[in-house]
Amino acid sequence: MRKHPDAPEFGRIGRRGFLGVALGGTALAGLGGNAQAAKDVAPLEEVNPEYFNPAEWAMVLALCDILIPADGEGPGALEARVPVFIDLQLAGDWGAARRWYMEGPHQPDADPLQGYQTPLTPSEIYRQGLAHFNDWCSHMHNAAFADLASDARHEAVAALMNEKTNLPAQLRDFPDFLLQNVKEGYLSDPRHGGNHGMAAWAYIGYPGARANFPSWTNPERDEAHYPLGPVDIAGERV
């Protein structure tokens, strides 16, 4: 899918704008504290992915770190374990397009307004998209993406997101899938692998899966600070 003509180029939108798009404009009112440490988990470099091979995993870690870096106001994508979310999605029903209509005819170069047109599943788009992008980086920057310096990584990701890496038509959804999945993994319930320790929810002030808020529905409290941290579906609290 192609970007809306009014969408800003990648690299010209800050973290608050990035999350504002993901949340449909929800106010970013952080709670002022970090989420409690969740159960001990292996460092991302030691994770055995369900779908990605080692080279792809290294690329996804680097891509996520560029899209939501650790040096911003809130947690970075790696701290939130966004790559784990993406890996599990690709290894599951979404990655295999099990609930999608995938019969032909296919016309990958059709107008994007006609919907999903490639015969490839999301997991296939990721695998081929990563390989194509890595080849592009090797040609343009003389190194694989994961081996690039920070400035070159930013330049390469900007080119990818701004449709300047010559992706073939059947892979044109790769940048959109990547950006969508990073947002989803950052803001999902932790049961899906991302948003580790509900750190992203705590950062934006999202209450999570609390059952009800009857004491907060009084209009007189509209301007009051909500003091409770988020709760996930499993009942864990921040």
C-alpha atoms as a PDB file:
ATOM      1  CA  MET A   1       0.000   0.000   0.000  1.00  0.00           C
ATOM      2  CA  ARG A   2       1.244   3.460  -0.812  1.00  0.00           C
ATOM      3  CA  LYS A   3       1.331   6.388   1.570  1.00  0.00           C
ATOM      4  CA  HIS A   4      -1.366   9.036   1.591  1.00  0.00           C
ATOM      5  CA  PRO A   5      -0.078  12.014  -0.431  1.00  0.00           C
ATOM      6  CA  ASP A   6      -0.277  14.237   2.648  1.00  0.00           C
ATOM      7  CA  ALA A   7       1.681  11.851   4.878  1.00  0.00           C
ATOM      8  CA  PRO A   8       5.030  13.245   6.115  1.00  0.00           C
ATOM      9  CA  GLU A   9       8.227  11.657   4.912  1.00  0.00           C
ATOM     10  CA  PHE A  10       9.873   9.259   7.307  1.00  0.00           C
ATOM     11  CA  GLY A  11      12.440  11.102   9.389  1.00  0.00           C
ATOM     12  CA  ARG A  12      10.286  14.220   9.725  1.00  0.00           C
ATOM     13  CA  ILE A  13       7.981  12.963  12.437  1.00  0.00           C
ATOM     14  CA  GLY A  14       8.909  12.733  16.120  1.00  0.00           C
ATOM     15  CA  ARG A  15       8.106  10.011  18.616  1.00  0.00           C
ATOM     16  CA  ARG A  16       4.998  11.786  19.875  1.00  0.00           C
ATOM     17  CA  GLY A  17       3.767  12.166  16.320  1.00  0.00           C
ATOM     18  CA  PHE A  18       4.623   8.541  15.566  1.00  0.00           C
ATOM     19  CA  LEU A  19       2.601   7.317  18.544  1.00  0.00           C
ATOM     20  CA  GLY A  20      -0.139   9.847  17.910  1.00  0.00           C
ATOM     21  CA  VAL A  21      -0.704   8.300  14.483  1.00  0.00           C
ATOM     22  CA  ALA A  22      -0.763   4.853  16.044  1.00  0.00           C
ATOM     23  CA  LEU A  23      -3.283   5.902  18.680  1.00  0.00           C
ATOM     24  CA  GLY A  24      -5.477   8.060  16.502  1.00  0.00           C
ATOM     25  CA  GLY A  25      -4.452  11.186  18.390  1.00  0.00           C
ATOM     26  CA  THR A  26      -4.726   9.896  21.960  1.00  0.00           C
ATOM     27  CA  ALA A  27      -3.126  12.344  24.387  1.00  0.00           C
ATOM     28  CA  LEU A  28       0.293  11.247  25.533  1.00  0.00           C
ATOM     29  CA  ALA A  29      -0.029  11.729  29.266  1.00  0.00           C
ATOM     30  CA  GLY A  30       2.720   9.597  30.793  1.00  0.00           C
ATOM     31  CA  LEU A  31       2.347   8.293  34.298  1.00  0.00           C
ATOM     32  CA  GLY A  32       5.792   9.474  35.285  1.00  0.00           C
ATOM     33  CA  GLY A  33       7.072   6.031  36.222  1.00  0.00           C
ATOM     34  CA  ASN A  34       8.446   2.887  34.638  1.00  0.00           C
ATOM     35  CA  ALA A  35       6.505  -0.350  34.400  1.00  0.00           C
ATOM     36  CA  GLN A  36       7.383  -3.028  36.886  1.00  0.00           C
ATOM     37  CA  ALA A  37       9.908  -5.522  35.645  1.00  0.00           C
ATOM     38  CA  ALA A  38       8.100  -8.487  34.148  1.00  0.00           C
ATOM     39  CA  LYS A  39       9.296 -12.054  34.436  1.00  0.00           C
ATOM     40  CA  ASP A  40      12.919 -12.552  33.498  1.00  0.00           C
ATOM     41  CA  VAL A  41      13.346 -12.981  29.765  1.00  0.00           C
ATOM     42  CA  ALA A  42      16.329 -13.773  27.581  1.00  0.00           C
ATOM     43  CA  PRO A  43      18.156 -10.847  25.976  1.00  0.00           C
ATOM     44  CA  LEU A  44      16.918 -10.321  22.440  1.00  0.00           C
ATOM     45  CA  GLU A  45      20.285 -11.351  21.028  1.00  0.00           C
ATOM     46  CA  GLU A  46      19.819 -14.756  22.686  1.00  0.00           C
ATOM     47  CA  VAL A  47      16.206 -15.332  21.604  1.00  0.00           C
ATOM     48  CA  ASN A  48      15.541 -18.259  19.262  1.00  0.00           C
ATOM     49  CA  PRO A  49      12.924 -16.785  16.907  1.00  0.00           C
ATOM     50  CA  GLU A  50       9.934 -18.826  15.772  1.00  0.00           C
ATOM     51  CA  TYR A  51      10.064 -17.518  12.197  1.00  0.00           C
ATOM     52  CA  PHE A  52      13.143 -15.423  11.471  1.00  0.00           C
ATOM     53  CA  ASN A  53      16.537 -16.932  10.739  1.00  0.00           C
ATOM     54  CA  PRO A  54      19.557 -15.416  12.563  1.00  0.00           C
ATOM     55  CA  ALA A  55      20.424 -12.931   9.809  1.00  0.00           C
ATOM     56  CA  GLU A  56      16.815 -11.766   9.527  1.00  0.00           C
ATOM     57  CA  TRP A  57      16.560 -11.475  13.312  1.00  0.00           C
ATOM     58  CA  ALA A  58      19.595  -9.196  13.425  1.00  0.00           C
ATOM     59  CA  MET A  59      18.008  -7.024  10.734  1.00  0.00           C
ATOM     60  CA  VAL A  60      14.676  -6.819  12.551  1.00  0.00           C
ATOM     61  CA  LEU A  61      16.386  -5.820  15.793  1.00  0.00           C
ATOM     62  CA  ALA A  62      18.204  -3.032  13.972  1.00  0.00           C
ATOM     63  CA  LEU A  63      15.072  -1.887  12.122  1.00  0.00           C
ATOM     64  CA  CYS A  64      12.988  -1.738  15.288  1.00  0.00           C
ATOM     65  CA  ASP A  65      15.724   0.205  17.046  1.00  0.00           C
ATOM     66  CA  ILE A  66      15.658   2.819  14.288  1.00  0.00           C
ATOM     67  CA  LEU A  67      11.860   3.124  14.209  1.00  0.00           C
ATOM     68  CA  ILE A  68      11.478   3.544  17.991  1.00  0.00           C
ATOM     69  CA  PRO A  69      14.952   4.219  19.412  1.00  0.00           C
ATOM     70  CA  ALA A  70      15.931   3.919  23.038  1.00  0.00           C
ATOM     71  CA  ASP A  71      17.107   7.522  23.332  1.00  0.00           C
ATOM     72  CA  GLY A  72      13.640   9.086  23.285  1.00  0.00           C
ATOM     73  CA  GLU A  73      11.325  10.024  26.139  1.00  0.00           C
ATOM     74  CA  GLY A  74       9.747   6.583  26.473  1.00  0.00           C
ATOM     75  CA  PRO A  75      10.957   3.003  26.140  1.00  0.00           C
ATOM     76  CA  GLY A  76      12.536   1.953  22.880  1.00  0.00           C
ATOM     77  CA  ALA A  77      11.214  -0.821  20.674  1.00  0.00           C
ATOM     78  CA  LEU A  78      13.922  -3.208  21.840  1.00  0.00           C
ATOM     79  CA  GLU A  79      13.172  -2.527  25.509  1.00  0.00           C
ATOM     80  CA  ALA A  80       9.508  -3.252  24.714  1.00  0.00           C
ATOM     81  CA  ARG A  81      10.591  -6.446  22.879  1.00  0.00           C
ATOM     82  CA  VAL A  82       8.759  -5.456  19.725  1.00  0.00           C
ATOM     83  CA  PRO A  83      10.810  -7.889  17.579  1.00  0.00           C
ATOM     84  CA  VAL A  84       9.381 -10.812  19.583  1.00  0.00           C
ATOM     85  CA  PHE A  85       5.866  -9.626  18.776  1.00  0.00           C
ATOM     86  CA  ILE A  86       6.666  -9.413  15.056  1.00  0.00           C
ATOM     87  CA  ASP A  87       8.285 -12.840  15.024  1.00  0.00           C
ATOM     88  CA  LEU A  88       5.278 -14.476  16.707  1.00  0.00           C
ATOM     89  CA  GLN A  89       2.861 -12.765  14.338  1.00  0.00           C
ATOM     90  CA  LEU A  90       4.754 -14.014  11.299  1.00  0.00           C
ATOM     91  CA  ALA A  91       4.923 -17.529  12.722  1.00  0.00           C
ATOM     92  CA  GLY A  92       1.174 -17.530  13.365  1.00  0.00           C
ATOM     93  CA  ASP A  93      -2.106 -17.107  11.487  1.00  0.00           C
ATOM     94  CA  TRP A  94      -1.448 -13.523  10.406  1.00  0.00           C
ATOM     95  CA  GLY A  95       1.899 -14.366   8.857  1.00  0.00           C
ATOM     96  CA  ALA A  96       0.353 -17.257   6.932  1.00  0.00           C
ATOM     97  CA  ALA A  97      -2.701 -15.183   5.889  1.00  0.00           C
ATOM     98  CA  ARG A  98      -4.878 -18.055   7.090  1.00  0.00           C
ATOM     99  CA  ARG A  99      -7.921 -15.837   7.461  1.00  0.00           C
ATOM    100  CA  TRP A 100      -7.421 -13.882   4.263  1.00  0.00           C
ATOM    101  CA  TYR A 101      -8.816 -14.484   0.799  1.00  0.00           C
ATOM    102  CA  MET A 102      -5.698 -15.401  -1.160  1.00  0.00           C
ATOM    103  CA  GLU A 103      -7.073 -16.880  -4.371  1.00  0.00           C
ATOM    104  CA  GLY A 104      -6.197 -15.300  -7.706  1.00  0.00           C
ATOM    105  CA  PRO A 105      -6.183 -13.531  -9.983  1.00  0.00           C
ATOM    106  CA  HIS A 106      -3.404 -11.370  -8.571  1.00  0.00           C
ATOM    107  CA  GLN A 107      -2.165  -8.069  -9.945  1.00  0.00           C
ATOM    108  CA  PRO A 108       0.613  -6.811  -7.638  1.00  0.00           C
ATOM    109  CA  ASP A 109       1.045  -3.561  -9.576  1.00  0.00           C
ATOM    110  CA  ALA A 110      -2.658  -2.655  -9.422  1.00  0.00           C
ATOM    111  CA  ASP A 111      -3.814   0.591  -7.840  1.00  0.00           C
ATOM    112  CA  PRO A 112      -3.329   0.211  -4.051  1.00  0.00           C
ATOM    113  CA  LEU A 113      -6.921   1.318  -3.552  1.00  0.00           C
ATOM    114  CA  GLN A 114      -7.954  -2.050  -4.978  1.00  0.00           C
ATOM    115  CA  GLY A 115      -6.625  -3.752  -1.868  1.00  0.00           C
ATOM    116  CA  TYR A 116      -4.135  -6.540  -1.266  1.00  0.00           C
ATOM    117  CA  GLN A 117      -3.041  -7.839  -4.664  1.00  0.00           C
ATOM    118  CA  THR A 118       0.074  -9.967  -4.125  1.00  0.00           C
ATOM    119  CA  PRO A 119      -0.044 -13.786  -3.956  1.00  0.00           C
ATOM    120  CA  LEU A 120       2.532 -13.657  -1.135  1.00  0.00           C
ATOM    121  CA  THR A 121       1.591 -14.061   2.515  1.00  0.00           C
ATOM    122  CA  PRO A 122       2.813 -11.468   5.051  1.00  0.00           C
ATOM    123  CA  SER A 123       5.555 -13.831   6.223  1.00  0.00           C
ATOM    124  CA  GLU A 124       6.737 -14.293   2.631  1.00  0.00           C
ATOM    125  CA  ILE A 125       6.642 -10.548   2.070  1.00  0.00           C
ATOM    126  CA  TYR A 126       8.788 -10.041   5.169  1.00  0.00           C
ATOM    127  CA  ARG A 127      11.338 -12.678   4.135  1.00  0.00           C
ATOM    128  CA  GLN A 128      11.685 -11.408   0.594  1.00  0.00           C
ATOM    129  CA  GLY A 129      11.400  -7.761   1.652  1.00  0.00           C
ATOM    130  CA  LEU A 130      14.215  -8.080   4.168  1.00  0.00           C
ATOM    131  CA  ALA A 131      16.412  -9.821   1.584  1.00  0.00           C
ATOM    132  CA  HIS A 132      15.705  -7.150  -1.028  1.00  0.00           C
ATOM    133  CA  PHE A 133      16.377  -4.326   1.426  1.00  0.00           C
ATOM    134  CA  ASN A 134      19.597  -5.934   2.598  1.00  0.00           C
ATOM    135  CA  ASP A 135      20.772  -6.275  -1.010  1.00  0.00           C
ATOM    136  CA  TRP A 136      19.889  -2.621  -1.590  1.00  0.00           C
ATOM    137  CA  CYS A 137      21.930  -1.607   1.467  1.00  0.00           C
ATOM    138  CA  SER A 138      24.883  -3.654   0.252  1.00  0.00           C
ATOM    139  CA  HIS A 139      24.691  -1.943  -3.147  1.00  0.00           C
ATOM    140  CA  MET A 140      24.147   1.595  -1.853  1.00  0.00           C
ATOM    141  CA  HIS A 141      26.142   1.525   1.388  1.00  0.00           C
ATOM    142  CA  ASN A 142      28.611  -1.338   0.785  1.00  0.00           C
ATOM    143  CA  ALA A 143      27.411  -3.239   3.865  1.00  0.00           C
ATOM    144  CA  ALA A 144      24.503  -5.295   5.131  1.00  0.00           C
ATOM    145  CA  PHE A 145      21.898  -3.250   6.989  1.00  0.00           C
ATOM    146  CA  ALA A 146      22.757  -4.662  10.419  1.00  0.00           C
ATOM    147  CA  ASP A 147      26.416  -3.726   9.853  1.00  0.00           C
ATOM    148  CA  LEU A 148      25.746  -0.086   8.977  1.00  0.00           C
ATOM    149  CA  ALA A 149      26.610   2.802  11.273  1.00  0.00           C
ATOM    150  CA  SER A 150      23.712   4.630  12.898  1.00  0.00           C
ATOM    151  CA  ASP A 151      23.533   7.501  10.401  1.00  0.00           C
ATOM    152  CA  ALA A 152      23.577   5.116   7.448  1.00  0.00           C
ATOM    153  CA  ARG A 153      20.856   2.992   9.056  1.00  0.00           C
ATOM    154  CA  HIS A 154      18.641   6.034   9.426  1.00  0.00           C
ATOM    155  CA  GLU A 155      19.264   6.998   5.808  1.00  0.00           C
ATOM    156  CA  ALA A 156      18.483   3.480   4.607  1.00  0.00           C
ATOM    157  CA  VAL A 157      15.262   3.178   6.626  1.00  0.00           C
ATOM    158  CA  ALA A 158      14.135   6.588   5.385  1.00  0.00           C
ATOM    159  CA  ALA A 159      14.657   5.377   1.824  1.00  0.00           C
ATOM    160  CA  LEU A 160      12.694   2.207   2.551  1.00  0.00           C
ATOM    161  CA  MET A 161       9.766   4.049   4.103  1.00  0.00           C
ATOM    162  CA  ASN A 162       9.726   6.696   1.382  1.00  0.00           C
ATOM    163  CA  GLU A 163       9.566   4.096  -1.429  1.00  0.00           C
ATOM    164  CA  LYS A 164      13.076   4.694  -2.730  1.00  0.00           C
ATOM    165  CA  THR A 165      14.566   1.187  -2.540  1.00  0.00           C
ATOM    166  CA  ASN A 166      13.054  -0.174  -5.767  1.00  0.00           C
ATOM    167  CA  LEU A 167      10.887  -2.791  -4.106  1.00  0.00           C
ATOM    168  CA  PRO A 168       9.138  -4.968  -6.690  1.00  0.00           C
ATOM    169  CA  ALA A 169       5.371  -4.627  -6.843  1.00  0.00           C
ATOM    170  CA  GLN A 170       4.696  -7.889  -5.016  1.00  0.00           C
ATOM    171  CA  LEU A 171       6.693  -6.590  -2.025  1.00  0.00           C
ATOM    172  CA  ARG A 172       5.343  -3.040  -1.922  1.00  0.00           C
ATOM    173  CA  ASP A 173       3.462  -3.730   1.340  1.00  0.00           C
ATOM    174  CA  PHE A 174       6.662  -4.584   3.225  1.00  0.00           C
ATOM    175  CA  PRO A 175       7.390  -1.075   4.623  1.00  0.00           C
ATOM    176  CA  ASP A 176       3.771  -0.629   5.681  1.00  0.00           C
ATOM    177  CA  PHE A 177       3.660  -4.030   7.345  1.00  0.00           C
ATOM    178  CA  LEU A 178       6.901  -3.304   9.177  1.00  0.00           C
ATOM    179  CA  LEU A 179       5.762   0.071  10.475  1.00  0.00           C
ATOM    180  CA  GLN A 180       2.311  -1.256  11.384  1.00  0.00           C
ATOM    181  CA  ASN A 181       3.771  -4.229  13.256  1.00  0.00           C
ATOM    182  CA  VAL A 182       6.249  -2.086  15.170  1.00  0.00           C
ATOM    183  CA  LYS A 183       3.387   0.112  16.390  1.00  0.00           C
ATOM    184  CA  GLU A 184       1.263  -2.929  17.238  1.00  0.00           C
ATOM    185  CA  GLY A 185       4.084  -4.648  19.096  1.00  0.00           C
ATOM    186  CA  TYR A 186       4.865  -1.487  21.039  1.00  0.00           C
ATOM    187  CA  LEU A 187       1.266  -0.982  22.164  1.00  0.00           C
ATOM    188  CA  SER A 188      -0.164  -4.522  22.311  1.00  0.00           C
ATOM    189  CA  ASP A 189      -1.028  -6.506  25.380  1.00  0.00           C
ATOM    190  CA  PRO A 190       2.182  -8.169  26.634  1.00  0.00           C
ATOM    191  CA  ARG A 191       0.677 -11.614  26.077  1.00  0.00           C
ATOM    192  CA  HIS A 192       1.483 -11.160  22.375  1.00  0.00           C
ATOM    193  CA  GLY A 193       5.205 -10.740  22.995  1.00  0.00           C
ATOM    194  CA  GLY A 194       5.653  -6.961  22.832  1.00  0.00           C
ATOM    195  CA  ASN A 195       5.080  -4.059  25.238  1.00  0.00           C
ATOM    196  CA  HIS A 196       7.267  -5.844  27.767  1.00  0.00           C
ATOM    197  CA  GLY A 197       6.325  -4.934  31.326  1.00  0.00           C
ATOM    198  CA  MET A 198       3.588  -2.653  29.915  1.00  0.00           C
ATOM    199  CA  ALA A 199       6.281   0.002  29.615  1.00  0.00           C
ATOM    200  CA  ALA A 200       4.686   1.611  26.555  1.00  0.00           C
ATOM    201  CA  TRP A 201       1.269   1.733  28.227  1.00  0.00           C
ATOM    202  CA  ALA A 202       2.774   3.376  31.278  1.00  0.00           C
ATOM    203  CA  TYR A 203       4.540   5.900  29.059  1.00  0.00           C
ATOM    204  CA  ILE A 204       1.367   7.017  27.256  1.00  0.00           C
ATOM    205  CA  GLY A 205      -0.908   6.744  30.304  1.00  0.00           C
ATOM    206  CA  TYR A 206      -3.065   3.917  28.943  1.00  0.00           C
ATOM    207  CA  PRO A 207      -4.892   2.006  31.715  1.00  0.00           C
ATOM    208  CA  GLY A 208      -4.889  -1.344  29.943  1.00  0.00           C
ATOM    209  CA  ALA A 209      -7.481  -4.002  30.725  1.00  0.00           C
ATOM    210  CA  ARG A 210      -8.962  -2.560  33.906  1.00  0.00           C
ATOM    211  CA  ALA A 211     -12.518  -3.826  34.261  1.00  0.00           C
ATOM    212  CA  ASN A 212     -14.360  -0.547  34.735  1.00  0.00           C
ATOM    213  CA  PHE A 213     -13.960   3.076  35.656  1.00  0.00           C
ATOM    214  CA  PRO A 214     -17.266   4.079  37.317  1.00  0.00           C
ATOM    215  CA  SER A 215     -15.619   6.419  39.796  1.00  0.00           C
ATOM    216  CA  TRP A 216     -13.919   8.274  36.945  1.00  0.00           C
ATOM    217  CA  THR A 217     -16.988   8.906  34.763  1.00  0.00           C
ATOM    218  CA  ASN A 218     -18.066  11.997  36.688  1.00  0.00           C
ATOM    219  CA  PRO A 219     -17.500  15.021  34.408  1.00  0.00           C
ATOM    220  CA  GLU A 220     -16.178  16.905  37.414  1.00  0.00           C
ATOM    221  CA  ARG A 221     -13.128  14.639  37.321  1.00  0.00           C
ATOM    222  CA  ASP A 222     -12.376  15.177  33.629  1.00  0.00           C
ATOM    223  CA  GLU A 223      -9.291  17.233  34.414  1.00  0.00           C
ATOM    224  CA  ALA A 224      -8.130  15.061  37.318  1.00  0.00           C
ATOM    225  CA  HIS A 225      -4.918  13.069  36.994  1.00  0.00           C
ATOM    226  CA  TYR A 226      -5.630   9.331  36.681  1.00  0.00           C
ATOM    227  CA  PRO A 227      -3.350   7.792  39.321  1.00  0.00           C
ATOM    228  CA  LEU A 228      -3.525   4.068  38.517  1.00  0.00           C
ATOM    229  CA  GLY A 229      -1.070   2.229  36.310  1.00  0.00           C
ATOM    230  CA  PRO A 230      -2.060  -0.176  33.543  1.00  0.00           C
ATOM    231  CA  VAL A 231      -3.203  -3.784  33.931  1.00  0.00           C
ATOM    232  CA  ASP A 232      -2.720  -6.434  31.269  1.00  0.00           C
ATOM    233  CA  ILE A 233      -5.140  -9.186  30.251  1.00  0.00           C
ATOM    234  CA  ALA A 234      -3.358 -11.652  32.525  1.00  0.00           C
ATOM    235  CA  GLY A 235      -4.066  -9.381  35.502  1.00  0.00           C
ATOM    236  CA  GLU A 236      -0.494  -8.180  36.010  1.00  0.00           C
ATOM    237  CA  ARG A 237      -0.252  -4.595  37.236  1.00  0.00           C
ATOM    238  CA  VAL A 238       2.244  -1.805  36.866  1.00  0.00           C
END
